[in-house]
Amino acid sequence: MKAKEIQELIDYISNSGLAEVKIKTDEFELSIKKYADQSFRAVETAPAAPAPAPVQLSTPAAPVEAPKESPAESSSNLIEIKSPMIGTFYTTPNPNADAFVNVGDSVKAGQTVCIIEAMKLFNEIESEVSGKIVKVLVNNATPVEYDQPLFLVDPAG
């Protein structure tokens, strides 16, 4: 089940009278509960892969705007890696680990570049292009919006 489908399911539950939904298939198990304070907790488990360690987060006050591009970057043929969902952007798999990618690193299509946490699910975001990371547009542990640019990649790099 894709993150977008999970988000749509959560939106549906929030607008319905349902308090809990459980889905179980051969590939995964998903349980979503609506609590009295209208928050949600979704748990997805896959038998083949262990879940990442939970991270305690405080609720952000307001979304942070992405830094502005310099004129040299906007006029070149850089490609953006964009967020496929709303959530919290993380550059590392856990607080004690090194970043997935840094400025100057080469990436390949399909390589994990960050994690976006949405509804307590940690989603690995993969690069759709090969090239060199020119700029990280979002700070670690900050909220991101759907389709917000996260990285600039030079495909010639």
N, C-alpha and C. Protein backbone atom coordinates (compact mmCIF):
# COMPACT_ATOMS: atom_id res chain seq x y z
N MET A 1 0.85 -1.17 0.00
CA MET A 1 0.00 0.00 0.00
C MET A 1 0.90 1.23 0.00
N LYS A 2 0.61 2.16 -0.86
CA LYS A 2 1.43 3.36 -0.99
C LYS A 2 1.01 4.41 0.04
N ALA A 3 1.94 5.30 0.33
CA ALA A 3 1.69 6.35 1.33
C ALA A 3 0.48 7.19 0.97
N LYS A 4 0.31 7.49 -0.31
CA LYS A 4 -0.83 8.30 -0.74
C LYS A 4 -2.15 7.57 -0.45
N GLU A 5 -2.17 6.26 -0.68
CA GLU A 5 -3.38 5.48 -0.39
C GLU A 5 -3.68 5.48 1.10
N ILE A 6 -2.62 5.39 1.93
CA ILE A 6 -2.80 5.41 3.38
C ILE A 6 -3.36 6.77 3.80
N GLN A 7 -2.80 7.85 3.24
CA GLN A 7 -3.28 9.19 3.56
C GLN A 7 -4.75 9.35 3.18
N GLU A 8 -5.14 8.83 2.01
CA GLU A 8 -6.53 8.91 1.58
C GLU A 8 -7.44 8.12 2.53
N LEU A 9 -6.96 6.97 2.99
CA LEU A 9 -7.72 6.16 3.94
C LEU A 9 -7.91 6.90 5.26
N ILE A 10 -6.85 7.55 5.73
CA ILE A 10 -6.94 8.32 6.97
C ILE A 10 -7.91 9.48 6.81
N ASP A 11 -7.84 10.17 5.68
CA ASP A 11 -8.78 11.27 5.42
C ASP A 11 -10.22 10.76 5.41
N TYR A 12 -10.45 9.61 4.79
CA TYR A 12 -11.79 9.03 4.75
C TYR A 12 -12.29 8.72 6.16
N ILE A 13 -11.43 8.12 6.98
CA ILE A 13 -11.83 7.76 8.35
C ILE A 13 -12.15 9.01 9.15
N SER A 14 -11.34 10.07 8.97
CA SER A 14 -11.58 11.29 9.74
C SER A 14 -12.93 11.92 9.41
N ASN A 15 -13.43 11.72 8.20
CA ASN A 15 -14.71 12.29 7.79
C ASN A 15 -15.88 11.33 8.01
N SER A 16 -15.58 10.13 8.47
CA SER A 16 -16.64 9.15 8.70
C SER A 16 -16.86 8.97 10.20
N GLY A 17 -17.77 8.12 10.55
CA GLY A 17 -18.03 7.82 11.96
C GLY A 17 -17.17 6.69 12.48
N LEU A 18 -16.29 6.15 11.65
CA LEU A 18 -15.45 5.04 12.06
C LEU A 18 -14.40 5.48 13.07
N ALA A 19 -14.10 4.61 14.03
CA ALA A 19 -13.08 4.92 15.03
C ALA A 19 -11.82 4.10 14.80
N GLU A 20 -11.95 2.98 14.07
CA GLU A 20 -10.78 2.11 13.87
C GLU A 20 -10.95 1.29 12.60
N VAL A 21 -9.84 1.09 11.87
CA VAL A 21 -9.84 0.27 10.67
C VAL A 21 -8.60 -0.61 10.71
N LYS A 22 -8.77 -1.87 10.39
CA LYS A 22 -7.64 -2.79 10.29
C LYS A 22 -7.69 -3.46 8.93
N ILE A 23 -6.54 -3.48 8.25
CA ILE A 23 -6.42 -4.14 6.95
C ILE A 23 -5.25 -5.11 7.05
N LYS A 24 -5.47 -6.34 6.62
CA LYS A 24 -4.42 -7.34 6.69
C LYS A 24 -4.37 -8.09 5.37
N THR A 25 -3.18 -8.10 4.75
CA THR A 25 -2.97 -8.87 3.53
C THR A 25 -1.74 -9.75 3.74
N ASP A 26 -1.36 -10.49 2.70
CA ASP A 26 -0.16 -11.31 2.78
C ASP A 26 1.10 -10.46 2.90
N GLU A 27 1.07 -9.23 2.36
CA GLU A 27 2.25 -8.37 2.33
C GLU A 27 2.38 -7.44 3.53
N PHE A 28 1.27 -7.02 4.12
CA PHE A 28 1.35 -6.07 5.22
C PHE A 28 0.11 -6.13 6.08
N GLU A 29 0.20 -5.45 7.22
CA GLU A 29 -0.91 -5.30 8.13
C GLU A 29 -0.97 -3.83 8.52
N LEU A 30 -2.14 -3.23 8.42
CA LEU A 30 -2.31 -1.81 8.70
C LEU A 30 -3.44 -1.64 9.69
N SER A 31 -3.18 -0.86 10.74
CA SER A 31 -4.20 -0.58 11.74
C SER A 31 -4.22 0.92 11.97
N ILE A 32 -5.40 1.54 11.82
CA ILE A 32 -5.56 2.97 12.02
C ILE A 32 -6.66 3.18 13.04
N LYS A 33 -6.35 3.97 14.09
CA LYS A 33 -7.31 4.26 15.15
C LYS A 33 -7.48 5.76 15.27
N LYS A 34 -8.71 6.19 15.44
CA LYS A 34 -9.00 7.59 15.70
C LYS A 34 -9.21 7.73 17.20
N TYR A 35 -8.43 8.64 17.82
CA TYR A 35 -8.53 8.85 19.25
C TYR A 35 -9.45 10.02 19.54
N ALA A 36 -9.80 10.20 20.78
CA ALA A 36 -10.75 11.24 21.17
C ALA A 36 -10.26 12.64 20.80
N ASP A 37 -8.93 12.85 20.78
CA ASP A 37 -8.40 14.17 20.44
C ASP A 37 -8.26 14.36 18.94
N GLN A 38 -8.87 13.48 18.14
CA GLN A 38 -8.87 13.53 16.68
C GLN A 38 -7.51 13.28 16.05
N SER A 39 -6.54 12.78 16.83
CA SER A 39 -5.26 12.43 16.22
C SER A 39 -5.34 10.98 15.77
N PHE A 40 -4.42 10.59 14.90
CA PHE A 40 -4.42 9.24 14.37
C PHE A 40 -3.10 8.57 14.69
N ARG A 41 -3.15 7.27 14.78
CA ARG A 41 -1.94 6.49 14.91
C ARG A 41 -2.07 5.32 13.94
N ALA A 42 -1.18 5.26 12.96
CA ALA A 42 -1.20 4.20 11.97
C ALA A 42 0.02 3.34 12.15
N VAL A 43 -0.17 2.03 12.10
CA VAL A 43 0.95 1.10 12.23
C VAL A 43 0.91 0.16 11.03
N GLU A 44 2.00 0.11 10.31
CA GLU A 44 2.11 -0.78 9.17
C GLU A 44 3.28 -1.71 9.42
N THR A 45 3.06 -3.00 9.32
CA THR A 45 4.15 -3.94 9.52
C THR A 45 4.25 -4.85 8.32
N ALA A 46 5.46 -5.13 7.94
CA ALA A 46 5.71 -6.07 6.85
C ALA A 46 6.56 -7.20 7.42
N PRO A 47 6.22 -8.47 7.16
CA PRO A 47 6.96 -9.56 7.75
C PRO A 47 8.44 -9.58 7.37
N ALA A 48 8.82 -9.07 6.20
CA ALA A 48 10.19 -9.17 5.73
C ALA A 48 11.09 -8.05 6.23
N ALA A 49 10.53 -6.90 6.63
CA ALA A 49 11.36 -5.76 6.99
C ALA A 49 11.02 -5.26 8.39
N PRO A 50 12.05 -5.05 9.26
CA PRO A 50 11.77 -4.50 10.59
C PRO A 50 11.43 -3.02 10.49
N ALA A 51 10.59 -2.55 11.39
CA ALA A 51 10.19 -1.15 11.39
C ALA A 51 11.30 -0.30 12.00
N PRO A 52 11.48 0.94 11.53
CA PRO A 52 12.48 1.82 12.13
C PRO A 52 12.09 2.20 13.55
N ALA A 53 13.07 2.58 14.34
CA ALA A 53 12.80 2.98 15.71
C ALA A 53 11.95 4.24 15.71
N PRO A 54 10.96 4.32 16.63
CA PRO A 54 10.11 5.51 16.66
C PRO A 54 10.92 6.74 17.09
N VAL A 55 10.51 7.89 16.59
CA VAL A 55 11.16 9.15 16.92
C VAL A 55 10.11 10.04 17.55
N GLN A 56 10.42 10.61 18.72
CA GLN A 56 9.48 11.50 19.40
C GLN A 56 9.61 12.90 18.81
N LEU A 57 8.51 13.46 18.32
CA LEU A 57 8.53 14.77 17.68
C LEU A 57 7.55 15.69 18.37
N SER A 58 7.88 16.97 18.38
CA SER A 58 6.91 17.95 18.86
C SER A 58 6.16 18.48 17.65
N THR A 59 4.99 19.02 17.87
CA THR A 59 4.19 19.54 16.77
C THR A 59 4.78 20.87 16.32
N PRO A 60 5.08 21.01 15.02
CA PRO A 60 5.66 22.27 14.55
C PRO A 60 4.62 23.39 14.59
N ALA A 61 5.10 24.61 14.80
CA ALA A 61 4.21 25.75 14.89
C ALA A 61 3.66 26.14 13.52
N ALA A 62 4.51 26.15 12.50
CA ALA A 62 4.08 26.53 11.16
C ALA A 62 5.03 25.93 10.15
N PRO A 63 4.55 25.68 8.92
CA PRO A 63 5.45 25.14 7.90
C PRO A 63 6.58 26.12 7.61
N VAL A 64 7.73 25.55 7.26
CA VAL A 64 8.90 26.36 6.95
C VAL A 64 9.03 26.45 5.44
N GLU A 65 9.25 27.67 4.93
CA GLU A 65 9.43 27.83 3.49
C GLU A 65 10.79 27.31 3.08
N ALA A 66 10.86 26.75 1.88
CA ALA A 66 12.14 26.29 1.34
C ALA A 66 12.99 27.51 1.01
N PRO A 67 14.32 27.39 1.23
CA PRO A 67 15.19 28.51 0.88
C PRO A 67 15.09 28.82 -0.61
N LYS A 68 15.28 30.11 -0.95
CA LYS A 68 15.21 30.53 -2.34
C LYS A 68 16.45 30.09 -3.10
N GLU A 69 16.27 29.77 -4.38
CA GLU A 69 17.38 29.37 -5.24
C GLU A 69 18.14 30.60 -5.70
N SER A 70 19.44 30.43 -5.91
CA SER A 70 20.21 31.53 -6.48
C SER A 70 19.94 31.57 -7.97
N PRO A 71 20.17 32.73 -8.65
CA PRO A 71 19.89 32.83 -10.08
C PRO A 71 20.68 31.82 -10.91
N ALA A 72 21.90 31.48 -10.50
CA ALA A 72 22.70 30.52 -11.26
C ALA A 72 22.06 29.14 -11.25
N GLU A 73 21.47 28.76 -10.09
CA GLU A 73 20.85 27.45 -10.00
C GLU A 73 19.55 27.37 -10.77
N SER A 74 18.76 28.43 -10.77
CA SER A 74 17.46 28.38 -11.42
C SER A 74 17.59 28.40 -12.94
N SER A 75 18.70 28.93 -13.47
CA SER A 75 18.83 28.99 -14.92
C SER A 75 19.47 27.73 -15.50
N SER A 76 20.01 26.86 -14.66
CA SER A 76 20.65 25.65 -15.18
C SER A 76 19.63 24.53 -15.35
N ASN A 77 20.11 23.36 -15.73
CA ASN A 77 19.21 22.24 -15.97
C ASN A 77 19.14 21.30 -14.77
N LEU A 78 19.10 21.85 -13.56
CA LEU A 78 19.01 21.03 -12.35
C LEU A 78 17.62 20.41 -12.24
N ILE A 79 17.59 19.22 -11.68
CA ILE A 79 16.33 18.49 -11.50
C ILE A 79 15.99 18.47 -10.02
N GLU A 80 14.73 18.69 -9.69
CA GLU A 80 14.28 18.68 -8.31
C GLU A 80 13.82 17.27 -7.92
N ILE A 81 14.19 16.86 -6.71
CA ILE A 81 13.58 15.68 -6.10
C ILE A 81 12.54 16.26 -5.17
N LYS A 82 11.27 15.89 -5.40
CA LYS A 82 10.16 16.49 -4.66
C LYS A 82 9.56 15.51 -3.67
N SER A 83 8.91 16.06 -2.67
CA SER A 83 8.24 15.25 -1.66
C SER A 83 6.97 14.64 -2.24
N PRO A 84 6.80 13.33 -2.11
CA PRO A 84 5.58 12.70 -2.61
C PRO A 84 4.42 12.76 -1.61
N MET A 85 4.65 13.41 -0.44
CA MET A 85 3.62 13.43 0.59
C MET A 85 3.87 14.56 1.58
N ILE A 86 2.90 14.81 2.41
CA ILE A 86 3.03 15.74 3.52
C ILE A 86 3.64 14.96 4.69
N GLY A 87 4.57 15.58 5.39
CA GLY A 87 5.15 14.90 6.54
C GLY A 87 6.35 15.66 7.08
N THR A 88 7.18 14.95 7.83
CA THR A 88 8.39 15.53 8.40
C THR A 88 9.60 14.94 7.70
N PHE A 89 10.48 15.81 7.23
CA PHE A 89 11.66 15.44 6.43
C PHE A 89 12.82 15.10 7.36
N TYR A 90 13.46 13.96 7.10
CA TYR A 90 14.66 13.56 7.86
C TYR A 90 15.77 13.19 6.89
N THR A 91 16.97 13.68 7.18
CA THR A 91 18.12 13.38 6.33
C THR A 91 18.81 12.09 6.74
N THR A 92 18.49 11.56 7.91
CA THR A 92 19.15 10.36 8.43
C THR A 92 18.12 9.30 8.80
N PRO A 93 18.53 8.03 8.80
CA PRO A 93 17.59 6.97 9.20
C PRO A 93 17.29 6.97 10.69
N ASN A 94 18.21 7.50 11.51
CA ASN A 94 17.99 7.66 12.95
C ASN A 94 18.90 8.78 13.44
N PRO A 95 18.67 9.31 14.64
CA PRO A 95 19.42 10.48 15.10
C PRO A 95 20.94 10.29 15.17
N ASN A 96 21.41 9.06 15.31
CA ASN A 96 22.85 8.82 15.46
C ASN A 96 23.54 8.42 14.16
N ALA A 97 22.82 8.36 13.07
CA ALA A 97 23.38 7.89 11.80
C ALA A 97 23.81 9.06 10.91
N ASP A 98 24.63 8.74 9.92
CA ASP A 98 25.04 9.73 8.92
C ASP A 98 23.88 9.98 7.97
N ALA A 99 23.93 11.14 7.30
CA ALA A 99 22.90 11.51 6.34
C ALA A 99 22.91 10.54 5.15
N PHE A 100 21.73 10.31 4.58
CA PHE A 100 21.63 9.47 3.39
C PHE A 100 22.49 10.06 2.27
N VAL A 101 22.35 11.37 2.04
CA VAL A 101 23.15 12.06 1.02
C VAL A 101 23.52 13.45 1.53
N ASN A 102 24.64 13.97 1.02
CA ASN A 102 25.10 15.31 1.33
C ASN A 102 25.34 16.05 0.02
N VAL A 103 25.49 17.36 0.10
CA VAL A 103 25.83 18.16 -1.08
C VAL A 103 27.15 17.63 -1.63
N GLY A 104 27.18 17.40 -2.94
CA GLY A 104 28.37 16.88 -3.59
C GLY A 104 28.36 15.38 -3.80
N ASP A 105 27.45 14.67 -3.14
CA ASP A 105 27.35 13.22 -3.31
C ASP A 105 26.70 12.87 -4.64
N SER A 106 27.15 11.77 -5.22
CA SER A 106 26.50 11.24 -6.42
C SER A 106 25.38 10.30 -5.99
N VAL A 107 24.25 10.39 -6.68
CA VAL A 107 23.13 9.49 -6.40
C VAL A 107 22.74 8.75 -7.67
N LYS A 108 22.16 7.59 -7.47
CA LYS A 108 21.66 6.80 -8.59
C LYS A 108 20.14 6.74 -8.47
N ALA A 109 19.48 6.55 -9.58
CA ALA A 109 18.03 6.39 -9.56
C ALA A 109 17.70 5.20 -8.67
N GLY A 110 16.75 5.37 -7.76
CA GLY A 110 16.36 4.30 -6.85
C GLY A 110 17.08 4.34 -5.51
N GLN A 111 18.07 5.21 -5.37
CA GLN A 111 18.82 5.32 -4.11
C GLN A 111 18.02 6.15 -3.11
N THR A 112 17.99 5.70 -1.85
CA THR A 112 17.29 6.45 -0.80
C THR A 112 18.04 7.74 -0.51
N VAL A 113 17.30 8.86 -0.51
CA VAL A 113 17.92 10.17 -0.26
C VAL A 113 17.45 10.79 1.06
N CYS A 114 16.30 10.34 1.58
CA CYS A 114 15.79 10.87 2.84
C CYS A 114 14.63 10.00 3.31
N ILE A 115 14.08 10.38 4.45
CA ILE A 115 12.88 9.73 4.99
C ILE A 115 11.86 10.83 5.25
N ILE A 116 10.61 10.54 4.94
CA ILE A 116 9.53 11.44 5.33
C ILE A 116 8.59 10.66 6.25
N GLU A 117 8.42 11.19 7.45
CA GLU A 117 7.56 10.56 8.43
C GLU A 117 6.17 11.17 8.29
N ALA A 118 5.19 10.31 8.06
CA ALA A 118 3.80 10.75 7.95
C ALA A 118 2.93 9.79 8.74
N MET A 119 2.21 10.32 9.67
CA MET A 119 1.29 9.51 10.48
C MET A 119 2.03 8.35 11.16
N LYS A 120 3.20 8.62 11.68
CA LYS A 120 4.04 7.65 12.40
C LYS A 120 4.59 6.55 11.49
N LEU A 121 4.48 6.73 10.18
CA LEU A 121 5.09 5.82 9.21
C LEU A 121 6.32 6.50 8.63
N PHE A 122 7.42 5.77 8.57
CA PHE A 122 8.66 6.31 8.05
C PHE A 122 8.84 5.81 6.62
N ASN A 123 8.74 6.73 5.66
CA ASN A 123 8.76 6.40 4.25
C ASN A 123 10.09 6.79 3.63
N GLU A 124 10.82 5.81 3.09
CA GLU A 124 12.08 6.11 2.42
C GLU A 124 11.77 6.73 1.07
N ILE A 125 12.40 7.87 0.78
CA ILE A 125 12.19 8.57 -0.48
C ILE A 125 13.41 8.29 -1.35
N GLU A 126 13.15 7.80 -2.56
CA GLU A 126 14.22 7.43 -3.48
C GLU A 126 14.35 8.46 -4.59
N SER A 127 15.58 8.63 -5.05
CA SER A 127 15.84 9.53 -6.16
C SER A 127 15.28 8.91 -7.44
N GLU A 128 14.67 9.74 -8.26
CA GLU A 128 14.16 9.27 -9.55
C GLU A 128 15.17 9.51 -10.65
N VAL A 129 16.27 10.20 -10.33
CA VAL A 129 17.30 10.52 -11.32
C VAL A 129 18.68 10.19 -10.76
N SER A 130 19.63 10.00 -11.68
CA SER A 130 21.03 9.84 -11.30
C SER A 130 21.72 11.18 -11.50
N GLY A 131 22.68 11.48 -10.64
CA GLY A 131 23.41 12.73 -10.77
C GLY A 131 24.10 13.10 -9.48
N LYS A 132 24.39 14.37 -9.31
CA LYS A 132 25.11 14.87 -8.16
C LYS A 132 24.21 15.82 -7.37
N ILE A 133 24.14 15.62 -6.05
CA ILE A 133 23.35 16.50 -5.18
C ILE A 133 24.03 17.87 -5.16
N VAL A 134 23.31 18.90 -5.61
CA VAL A 134 23.84 20.26 -5.65
C VAL A 134 23.40 21.05 -4.42
N LYS A 135 22.16 20.79 -3.96
CA LYS A 135 21.64 21.55 -2.84
C LYS A 135 20.56 20.76 -2.12
N VAL A 136 20.57 20.84 -0.78
CA VAL A 136 19.49 20.30 0.04
C VAL A 136 18.61 21.50 0.38
N LEU A 137 17.36 21.46 -0.02
CA LEU A 137 16.47 22.61 0.10
C LEU A 137 15.68 22.66 1.41
N VAL A 138 15.75 21.60 2.21
CA VAL A 138 14.95 21.53 3.43
C VAL A 138 15.85 21.16 4.60
N ASN A 139 15.62 21.78 5.74
CA ASN A 139 16.38 21.44 6.95
C ASN A 139 15.86 20.15 7.56
N ASN A 140 16.75 19.42 8.22
CA ASN A 140 16.39 18.17 8.88
C ASN A 140 15.30 18.40 9.93
N ALA A 141 14.38 17.45 10.03
CA ALA A 141 13.30 17.44 11.03
C ALA A 141 12.33 18.62 10.88
N THR A 142 12.11 19.05 9.64
CA THR A 142 11.15 20.12 9.39
C THR A 142 9.98 19.59 8.56
N PRO A 143 8.82 20.21 8.68
CA PRO A 143 7.67 19.74 7.91
C PRO A 143 7.82 20.08 6.43
N VAL A 144 7.29 19.19 5.59
CA VAL A 144 7.28 19.43 4.15
C VAL A 144 5.87 19.21 3.62
N GLU A 145 5.58 19.84 2.51
CA GLU A 145 4.29 19.72 1.85
C GLU A 145 4.40 18.77 0.66
N TYR A 146 3.27 18.31 0.16
CA TYR A 146 3.23 17.49 -1.03
C TYR A 146 3.83 18.27 -2.20
N ASP A 147 4.70 17.64 -2.96
CA ASP A 147 5.31 18.20 -4.17
C ASP A 147 6.32 19.32 -3.88
N GLN A 148 6.72 19.48 -2.63
CA GLN A 148 7.72 20.49 -2.28
C GLN A 148 9.10 19.98 -2.68
N PRO A 149 9.90 20.80 -3.36
CA PRO A 149 11.26 20.38 -3.72
C PRO A 149 12.11 20.13 -2.47
N LEU A 150 12.84 19.01 -2.46
CA LEU A 150 13.68 18.64 -1.33
C LEU A 150 15.17 18.79 -1.66
N PHE A 151 15.54 18.37 -2.88
CA PHE A 151 16.93 18.39 -3.33
C PHE A 151 17.00 18.92 -4.74
N LEU A 152 18.16 19.49 -5.10
CA LEU A 152 18.46 19.82 -6.48
C LEU A 152 19.58 18.88 -6.93
N VAL A 153 19.37 18.23 -8.08
CA VAL A 153 20.33 17.26 -8.61
C VAL A 153 20.80 17.71 -9.99
N ASP A 154 22.11 17.65 -10.18
CA ASP A 154 22.69 17.95 -11.51
C ASP A 154 22.84 16.60 -12.22
N PRO A 155 22.04 16.33 -13.25
CA PRO A 155 22.10 15.03 -13.93
C PRO A 155 23.42 14.83 -14.66
N ALA A 156 24.15 15.89 -14.92
CA ALA A 156 25.44 15.77 -15.61
C ALA A 156 26.56 15.46 -14.64
N GLY A 157 26.28 15.54 -13.32
CA GLY A 157 27.32 15.39 -12.30
C GLY A 157 27.69 14.04 -11.95
